[in-house]
Amino acid sequence: MGLKDWIEAPAAAVVPAKRSKLNWLRGAAARLTTPLLPDDYLHLANPLWSARELRGQIVDVRAETADSATIVIKPGWGFDFNYEPGQYIGIGLHVDGRWHWRSYSLTSPPNWDDKLISIAVKAMPEGFLSSHLVNGVPSGTIVRLATPTGNFALPDPPPERILFLTAGSGITPVMAMLRTMNRRGQLPDVFHVHSAPTDADVMFADELTRLHDEHDDFRCKIQLTRTEGKFALSSLDDVCPDWRERQTWACGPLPMLDEIETLWRDEDIEDRLHLERFAVSRADTSGQGGTVTFAKADKVMTIDGATTLLEAGEKAGALLPFGCRMGICQTCVVPILSGHAIDLRSGKQHAEGDRVQTCISSAAGDCTLDA
């Protein structure tokens, strides 16, 4: 029996009649505390204390625009503040009897001083958790946290010349980069193009203006798409003539990123481009959906061909691993015990015995997962 099992097991299961005094004392303590575990008492003392998971407490919710907000979180034990600016974090919120998980970019610079982190969330019509975070979550709410991760990150020291191309909530990871460079006194030659429908939709507008006014080397062009149209990449030669020589970070809607990726490939400068996609680009597949059984969790969910296995598990109440939710990090991979699943990006079929990425795969008929 492992240490964790020994600590958490009921007294009757681990204390036979003839055992050491240590086991006897431990058994007596277990009987006194049953059915609570040590972690439960940590939670009673401080809701952020846990030996089993990362937790955090929402300490502030600040509106950025009419449909977006900055969520300030105080992490509990075990959180590593040495993350890289641009990385994202998983956040779990208990709503209506079950945990809802999503990933959001950190907007705060890595900082051991005040022991706070922040994310910025834009409420989406189809996004239950994003709408709840922006419009309904009160300060003091306890959340679960996943470890910061992601390759869309700023190196230290930063490049001498940088180009940021963002749109909508795609500005969030870039704000962490800008704040980090500004905090460290490392803000180099930066040209930033950000697109939003109107002035009122520009997240962090005042902060961008302040950076522009305080730093000669920081230039920010705001493209208001409702009146000015979509930013044309062909205009880069006019607004930022040396764009080909700059390290570029781009984050925004998938069509925008696809266009950027094509241009950088045509210019043979792909090695200078860093992309962050908030959604999965899905192929026109024939996944018909089906009934998904989560064997370990003993949960069942019937889904259509557009719902991912990860989404199905979360709706059913099965606790599935996840990371980026975009098919990049491989954190969500689980084995298929029976049936078939389909990759929503490529249309590739997976069968019994295969390991499948649940965040970008759906059911191709009835299937059972080892999860």
Protein backbone atom coordinates (compact mmCIF):
# COMPACT_ATOMS: atom_id res chain seq x y z
CA MET A 1 0.00 0.00 0.00
CA GLY A 2 1.40 3.42 -0.96
CA LEU A 3 1.84 6.27 1.51
CA LYS A 4 -1.16 8.18 0.15
CA ASP A 5 -3.36 5.05 0.37
CA TRP A 6 -2.08 4.30 3.88
CA ILE A 7 -2.86 7.82 5.05
CA GLU A 8 -6.32 7.96 3.49
CA ALA A 9 -7.52 4.39 4.12
CA PRO A 10 -10.11 3.71 6.90
CA ALA A 11 -8.62 2.55 10.18
CA ALA A 12 -10.16 -0.92 9.99
CA ALA A 13 -8.40 -1.59 6.73
CA VAL A 14 -4.92 -0.77 7.97
CA VAL A 15 -4.76 -1.58 11.69
CA PRO A 16 -4.87 -5.34 12.44
CA ALA A 17 -5.06 -6.48 16.04
CA LYS A 18 -1.30 -7.00 16.38
CA ARG A 19 0.65 -4.08 14.92
CA SER A 20 3.11 -1.47 16.02
CA LYS A 21 2.28 1.38 18.36
CA LEU A 22 2.65 3.74 15.42
CA ASN A 23 -0.13 1.98 13.53
CA TRP A 24 -2.25 1.82 16.66
CA LEU A 25 -1.94 5.58 17.17
CA ARG A 26 -2.57 6.21 13.52
CA GLY A 27 -5.62 3.95 13.61
CA ALA A 28 -6.99 5.73 16.67
CA ALA A 29 -6.55 9.07 14.91
CA ALA A 30 -8.23 7.73 11.81
CA ARG A 31 -11.21 6.48 13.81
CA LEU A 32 -11.56 9.87 15.48
CA THR A 33 -11.54 11.66 12.15
CA THR A 34 -13.49 9.22 9.96
CA PRO A 35 -15.04 9.88 7.48
CA LEU A 36 -12.97 13.06 7.00
CA LEU A 37 -9.44 12.89 5.60
CA PRO A 38 -6.50 15.14 6.52
CA ASP A 39 -7.18 17.19 3.40
CA ASP A 40 -10.70 17.88 4.64
CA TYR A 41 -9.32 19.38 7.84
CA LEU A 42 -6.85 21.49 5.89
CA HIS A 43 -9.82 22.85 3.96
CA LEU A 44 -11.64 23.67 7.19
CA ALA A 45 -8.62 25.60 8.45
CA ASN A 46 -8.06 27.41 5.13
CA PRO A 47 -10.00 26.67 1.90
CA LEU A 48 -6.80 27.19 -0.12
CA TRP A 49 -4.90 24.46 1.75
CA SER A 50 -4.92 21.12 -0.03
CA ALA A 51 -2.43 18.28 -0.32
CA ARG A 52 -4.25 16.80 -3.32
CA GLU A 53 -4.91 19.65 -5.75
CA LEU A 54 -4.09 23.25 -6.61
CA ARG A 55 -6.70 25.70 -5.41
CA GLY A 56 -7.24 29.41 -5.63
CA GLN A 57 -9.63 32.07 -4.37
CA ILE A 58 -11.10 34.80 -6.55
CA VAL A 59 -10.31 38.08 -4.81
CA ASP A 60 -11.47 40.60 -7.43
CA VAL A 61 -13.47 40.83 -10.65
CA ARG A 62 -12.77 43.98 -12.70
CA ALA A 63 -14.71 44.86 -15.83
CA GLU A 64 -12.57 45.46 -18.93
CA THR A 65 -15.39 45.94 -21.46
CA ALA A 66 -19.14 45.30 -21.40
CA ASP A 67 -18.54 41.59 -22.00
CA SER A 68 -15.08 40.95 -20.54
CA ALA A 69 -13.44 41.09 -17.14
CA THR A 70 -10.15 40.54 -15.37
CA ILE A 71 -10.36 37.85 -12.70
CA VAL A 72 -7.76 38.21 -9.93
CA ILE A 73 -6.96 34.96 -8.10
CA LYS A 74 -4.95 34.18 -4.98
CA PRO A 75 -3.45 30.69 -5.49
CA GLY A 76 -3.01 28.33 -2.57
CA TRP A 77 -0.29 25.86 -1.65
CA GLY A 78 1.90 24.48 -4.40
CA PHE A 79 1.40 27.11 -7.10
CA ASP A 80 4.57 27.96 -9.04
CA PHE A 81 4.81 31.67 -9.82
CA ASN A 82 7.79 31.09 -12.13
CA TYR A 83 5.58 30.64 -15.18
CA GLU A 84 6.46 32.22 -18.52
CA PRO A 85 4.52 35.28 -19.74
CA GLY A 86 2.10 34.12 -22.42
CA GLN A 87 1.28 30.76 -20.86
CA TYR A 88 -2.24 29.68 -19.91
CA ILE A 89 -3.80 28.05 -16.87
CA GLY A 90 -6.69 25.67 -16.32
CA ILE A 91 -9.42 26.83 -13.96
CA GLY A 92 -12.22 24.73 -12.52
CA LEU A 93 -15.37 26.26 -11.07
CA HIS A 94 -18.13 24.40 -9.21
CA VAL A 95 -21.47 25.45 -10.68
CA ASP A 96 -24.84 23.69 -10.42
CA GLY A 97 -23.40 20.64 -8.72
CA ARG A 98 -20.45 19.87 -10.98
CA TRP A 99 -17.01 21.18 -11.89
CA HIS A 100 -16.60 23.11 -15.15
CA TRP A 101 -13.06 23.42 -16.55
CA ARG A 102 -11.62 25.83 -19.10
CA SER A 103 -8.19 27.22 -19.94
CA TYR A 104 -7.40 30.95 -19.98
CA SER A 105 -4.23 32.91 -20.67
CA LEU A 106 -2.55 34.46 -17.64
CA THR A 107 -2.46 38.25 -17.94
CA SER A 108 -0.31 38.83 -14.87
CA PRO A 109 3.48 38.95 -14.99
CA PRO A 110 5.30 36.21 -13.03
CA ASN A 111 5.54 37.71 -9.55
CA TRP A 112 6.37 36.16 -6.19
CA ASP A 113 5.77 39.45 -4.36
CA ASP A 114 2.01 39.82 -4.05
CA LYS A 115 1.18 36.12 -4.64
CA LEU A 116 -1.66 36.97 -7.04
CA ILE A 117 -2.39 35.95 -10.61
CA SER A 118 -4.95 37.19 -13.10
CA ILE A 119 -6.76 36.01 -16.20
CA ALA A 120 -8.99 38.01 -18.53
CA VAL A 121 -12.19 36.41 -19.75
CA LYS A 122 -14.49 37.44 -22.58
CA ALA A 123 -18.07 36.18 -22.24
CA MET A 124 -19.01 34.11 -25.28
CA PRO A 125 -22.64 33.37 -26.23
CA GLU A 126 -21.92 29.62 -26.26
CA GLY A 127 -19.53 29.74 -23.31
CA PHE A 128 -21.24 28.78 -20.05
CA LEU A 129 -18.16 29.20 -17.86
CA SER A 130 -16.91 32.40 -19.50
CA SER A 131 -20.31 34.06 -19.05
CA HIS A 132 -20.45 32.94 -15.43
CA LEU A 133 -16.96 34.28 -14.69
CA VAL A 134 -17.68 37.64 -16.28
CA ASN A 135 -21.24 38.17 -15.04
CA GLY A 136 -21.88 36.00 -12.02
CA VAL A 137 -18.87 34.87 -10.02
CA PRO A 138 -18.50 36.60 -6.63
CA SER A 139 -15.25 37.46 -4.89
CA GLY A 140 -14.29 34.77 -2.40
CA THR A 141 -15.20 31.89 -4.73
CA ILE A 142 -12.84 28.90 -4.45
CA VAL A 143 -11.59 27.49 -7.76
CA ARG A 144 -9.38 24.61 -8.78
CA LEU A 145 -6.24 25.41 -10.74
CA ALA A 146 -4.07 23.51 -13.19
CA THR A 147 -0.35 24.16 -13.59
CA PRO A 148 0.55 26.99 -16.02
CA THR A 149 1.68 25.62 -19.37
CA GLY A 150 1.97 26.46 -23.08
CA ASN A 151 4.62 27.21 -25.69
CA PHE A 152 3.27 30.66 -26.61
CA ALA A 153 5.72 32.37 -24.29
CA LEU A 154 8.10 35.28 -24.23
CA PRO A 155 11.81 34.48 -23.77
CA ASP A 156 13.99 36.27 -21.23
CA PRO A 157 15.61 38.50 -22.34
CA PRO A 158 13.09 39.39 -25.07
CA PRO A 159 14.04 39.96 -28.73
CA GLU A 160 15.24 43.43 -29.68
CA ARG A 161 12.32 43.89 -32.08
CA ILE A 162 8.84 42.42 -31.65
CA LEU A 163 5.60 42.43 -33.63
CA PHE A 164 2.33 41.57 -31.87
CA LEU A 165 -0.78 40.82 -33.98
CA THR A 166 -3.90 40.32 -31.87
CA ALA A 167 -7.68 40.55 -32.14
CA GLY A 168 -10.46 40.37 -29.56
CA SER A 169 -9.52 38.32 -26.50
CA GLY A 170 -6.36 37.25 -28.33
CA ILE A 171 -4.71 40.21 -26.61
CA THR A 172 -4.73 38.45 -23.22
CA PRO A 173 -1.45 36.47 -23.44
CA VAL A 174 0.26 39.46 -25.05
CA MET A 175 -0.73 41.65 -22.10
CA ALA A 176 1.21 39.31 -19.82
CA MET A 177 4.23 39.76 -22.10
CA LEU A 178 3.91 43.55 -22.19
CA ARG A 179 3.42 43.80 -18.43
CA THR A 180 6.39 41.54 -17.78
CA MET A 181 8.73 43.52 -20.05
CA ASN A 182 7.52 46.81 -18.59
CA ARG A 183 7.91 45.54 -15.02
CA ARG A 184 11.47 44.38 -15.71
CA GLY A 185 12.43 47.51 -17.59
CA GLN A 186 13.02 45.43 -20.72
CA LEU A 187 10.42 46.85 -23.10
CA PRO A 188 12.19 46.81 -26.49
CA ASP A 189 11.10 48.03 -29.93
CA VAL A 190 7.51 46.75 -30.05
CA PHE A 191 4.89 47.28 -32.75
CA HIS A 192 1.43 46.04 -31.78
CA VAL A 193 -1.59 45.78 -34.08
CA HIS A 194 -4.80 45.01 -32.20
CA SER A 195 -8.23 44.61 -33.81
CA ALA A 196 -11.61 45.08 -32.15
CA PRO A 197 -15.07 46.01 -33.47
CA THR A 198 -15.33 49.40 -31.70
CA ASP A 199 -13.47 51.56 -29.17
CA ALA A 200 -15.71 50.14 -26.44
CA ASP A 201 -14.58 46.60 -27.30
CA VAL A 202 -10.84 47.23 -26.88
CA MET A 203 -9.66 45.29 -23.84
CA PHE A 204 -6.98 47.06 -21.74
CA ALA A 205 -7.43 50.25 -23.82
CA ASP A 206 -6.24 52.62 -21.09
CA GLU A 207 -3.17 50.52 -20.35
CA LEU A 208 -2.21 50.33 -24.03
CA THR A 209 -2.53 54.10 -24.29
CA ARG A 210 -0.38 54.57 -21.20
CA LEU A 211 2.33 52.27 -22.53
CA HIS A 212 2.24 54.14 -25.84
CA ASP A 213 2.62 57.50 -24.07
CA GLU A 214 5.38 56.36 -21.67
CA HIS A 215 7.59 54.41 -24.09
CA ASP A 216 8.87 55.81 -27.38
CA ASP A 217 9.68 52.31 -28.62
CA PHE A 218 6.14 51.00 -28.06
CA ARG A 219 3.75 51.73 -30.90
CA CYS A 220 0.20 50.44 -30.91
CA LYS A 221 -2.21 50.56 -33.84
CA ILE A 222 -5.86 49.89 -32.96
CA GLN A 223 -7.92 48.64 -35.91
CA LEU A 224 -11.65 49.26 -35.38
CA THR A 225 -13.07 46.65 -37.71
CA ARG A 226 -16.68 47.84 -37.67
CA THR A 227 -15.74 51.16 -39.29
CA GLU A 228 -12.28 50.47 -40.75
CA GLY A 229 -12.65 46.88 -41.84
CA LYS A 230 -10.31 43.98 -41.18
CA PHE A 231 -6.63 44.79 -40.82
CA ALA A 232 -4.94 43.97 -44.13
CA LEU A 233 -1.63 42.15 -43.77
CA SER A 234 -0.56 43.79 -47.01
CA SER A 235 -0.43 47.11 -45.11
CA LEU A 236 2.38 45.85 -42.85
CA ASP A 237 4.94 47.17 -45.32
CA ASP A 238 3.56 50.67 -44.71
CA VAL A 239 2.93 50.63 -40.95
CA CYS A 240 5.85 48.40 -39.92
CA PRO A 241 8.34 48.13 -42.82
CA ASP A 242 10.74 45.82 -40.97
CA TRP A 243 8.06 43.28 -39.97
CA ARG A 244 9.89 40.43 -41.71
CA GLU A 245 12.88 40.87 -39.37
CA ARG A 246 10.80 40.91 -36.17
CA GLN A 247 9.88 38.02 -33.91
CA THR A 248 6.09 37.89 -34.18
CA TRP A 249 3.49 36.65 -31.71
CA ALA A 250 -0.07 36.38 -33.07
CA CYS A 251 -3.29 35.42 -31.28
CA GLY A 252 -6.89 35.83 -32.40
CA PRO A 253 -9.62 34.20 -34.52
CA LEU A 254 -8.64 31.12 -36.51
CA PRO A 255 -9.11 32.70 -40.00
CA MET A 256 -6.78 35.54 -39.00
CA LEU A 257 -4.13 33.13 -37.75
CA ASP A 258 -4.42 30.94 -40.85
CA GLU A 259 -3.86 34.00 -43.04
CA ILE A 260 -0.84 35.07 -40.98
CA GLU A 261 0.64 31.59 -41.07
CA THR A 262 0.27 31.43 -44.86
CA LEU A 263 1.95 34.81 -45.38
CA TRP A 264 4.88 33.99 -43.09
CA ARG A 265 5.30 30.66 -44.88
CA ASP A 266 5.27 32.36 -48.29
CA GLU A 267 7.89 34.81 -47.04
CA ASP A 268 9.96 31.89 -45.70
CA ILE A 269 10.10 33.39 -42.18
CA GLU A 270 8.02 30.81 -40.31
CA ASP A 271 10.79 30.45 -37.75
CA ARG A 272 9.99 33.98 -36.53
CA LEU A 273 6.28 33.33 -36.01
CA HIS A 274 4.62 32.19 -32.77
CA LEU A 275 0.88 31.39 -32.86
CA GLU A 276 -1.69 30.79 -30.12
CA ARG A 277 -5.03 29.33 -31.13
CA PHE A 278 -7.92 29.52 -28.66
CA ALA A 279 -10.04 27.04 -30.64
CA VAL A 280 -9.57 23.88 -32.66
CA SER A 281 -9.77 24.12 -36.43
CA ARG A 282 -12.06 21.21 -37.26
CA ALA A 283 -12.19 19.26 -40.49
CA ASP A 284 -15.43 18.41 -42.28
CA THR A 285 -15.63 14.94 -40.75
CA SER A 286 -18.29 12.25 -40.70
CA GLY A 287 -18.31 11.69 -36.97
CA GLN A 288 -21.90 10.70 -36.21
CA GLY A 289 -21.66 10.85 -32.44
CA GLY A 290 -22.89 8.10 -30.17
CA THR A 291 -23.08 6.94 -26.58
CA VAL A 292 -19.80 7.40 -24.71
CA THR A 293 -19.13 5.31 -21.61
CA PHE A 294 -16.48 6.50 -19.16
CA ALA A 295 -15.50 3.21 -17.55
CA LYS A 296 -13.56 4.38 -14.49
CA ALA A 297 -16.04 7.11 -13.63
CA ASP A 298 -19.04 4.87 -14.36
CA LYS A 299 -20.66 7.67 -16.38
CA VAL A 300 -22.50 7.61 -19.70
CA MET A 301 -23.25 10.45 -22.11
CA THR A 302 -24.85 10.49 -25.56
CA ILE A 303 -23.39 13.16 -27.85
CA ASP A 304 -23.57 14.42 -31.41
CA GLY A 305 -20.63 14.37 -33.81
CA ALA A 306 -19.59 17.94 -32.99
CA THR A 307 -19.17 17.45 -29.24
CA THR A 308 -15.72 16.39 -28.06
CA LEU A 309 -15.12 13.46 -25.76
CA LEU A 310 -13.64 15.86 -23.21
CA GLU A 311 -16.78 18.01 -23.27
CA ALA A 312 -18.90 14.87 -22.95
CA GLY A 313 -16.94 13.72 -19.91
CA GLU A 314 -17.24 17.08 -18.22
CA LYS A 315 -20.99 17.19 -18.88
CA ALA A 316 -21.38 13.66 -17.51
CA GLY A 317 -19.36 14.42 -14.39
CA ALA A 318 -16.30 12.33 -15.24
CA LEU A 319 -13.01 13.89 -14.14
CA LEU A 320 -10.83 13.77 -17.27
CA PRO A 321 -7.30 15.11 -17.63
CA PHE A 322 -6.82 18.12 -19.89
CA GLY A 323 -4.36 20.86 -20.69
CA CYS A 324 -4.49 23.12 -23.72
CA ARG A 325 -7.90 21.87 -25.03
CA MET A 326 -6.53 22.41 -28.56
CA GLY A 327 -4.82 19.11 -29.38
CA ILE A 328 -1.29 20.32 -28.67
CA CYS A 329 -0.10 19.25 -25.22
CA GLN A 330 -1.26 15.56 -25.18
CA THR A 331 -2.40 15.88 -21.56
CA CYS A 332 -5.93 14.63 -22.31
CA VAL A 333 -4.94 11.35 -24.00
CA VAL A 334 -6.88 8.25 -22.81
CA PRO A 335 -7.23 4.70 -24.21
CA ILE A 336 -10.29 3.48 -26.11
CA LEU A 337 -11.56 0.23 -24.56
CA SER A 338 -14.15 -0.44 -27.26
CA GLY A 339 -15.78 1.27 -30.22
CA HIS A 340 -14.45 4.11 -32.35
CA ALA A 341 -13.62 7.80 -32.08
CA ILE A 342 -12.76 10.37 -34.73
CA ASP A 343 -10.24 13.21 -34.81
CA LEU A 344 -12.26 16.36 -35.55
CA ARG A 345 -9.27 18.07 -37.17
CA SER A 346 -8.15 15.39 -39.60
CA GLY A 347 -11.04 12.93 -39.77
CA LYS A 348 -8.75 10.06 -38.72
CA GLN A 349 -10.56 7.15 -37.07
CA HIS A 350 -9.34 5.59 -33.80
CA ALA A 351 -10.36 2.12 -32.64
CA GLU A 352 -10.12 -0.17 -29.63
CA GLY A 353 -6.63 -0.13 -28.15
CA ASP A 354 -5.76 3.31 -29.56
CA ARG A 355 -5.04 6.28 -27.34
CA VAL A 356 -7.16 9.29 -28.28
CA GLN A 357 -6.92 13.02 -27.57
CA THR A 358 -10.30 13.69 -26.00
CA CYS A 359 -10.19 17.47 -26.53
CA ILE A 360 -10.18 17.19 -30.34
CA SER A 361 -12.01 13.88 -30.86
CA SER A 362 -15.64 12.86 -30.90
CA ALA A 363 -17.53 9.56 -30.90
CA ALA A 364 -17.87 7.64 -34.17
CA GLY A 365 -20.63 5.43 -32.89
CA ASP A 366 -20.83 4.03 -29.36
CA CYS A 367 -17.48 3.85 -27.56
CA THR A 368 -16.01 3.20 -24.13
CA LEU A 369 -13.03 5.11 -22.74
CA ASP A 370 -10.65 4.06 -19.98
CA ALA A 371 -11.45 7.19 -18.01
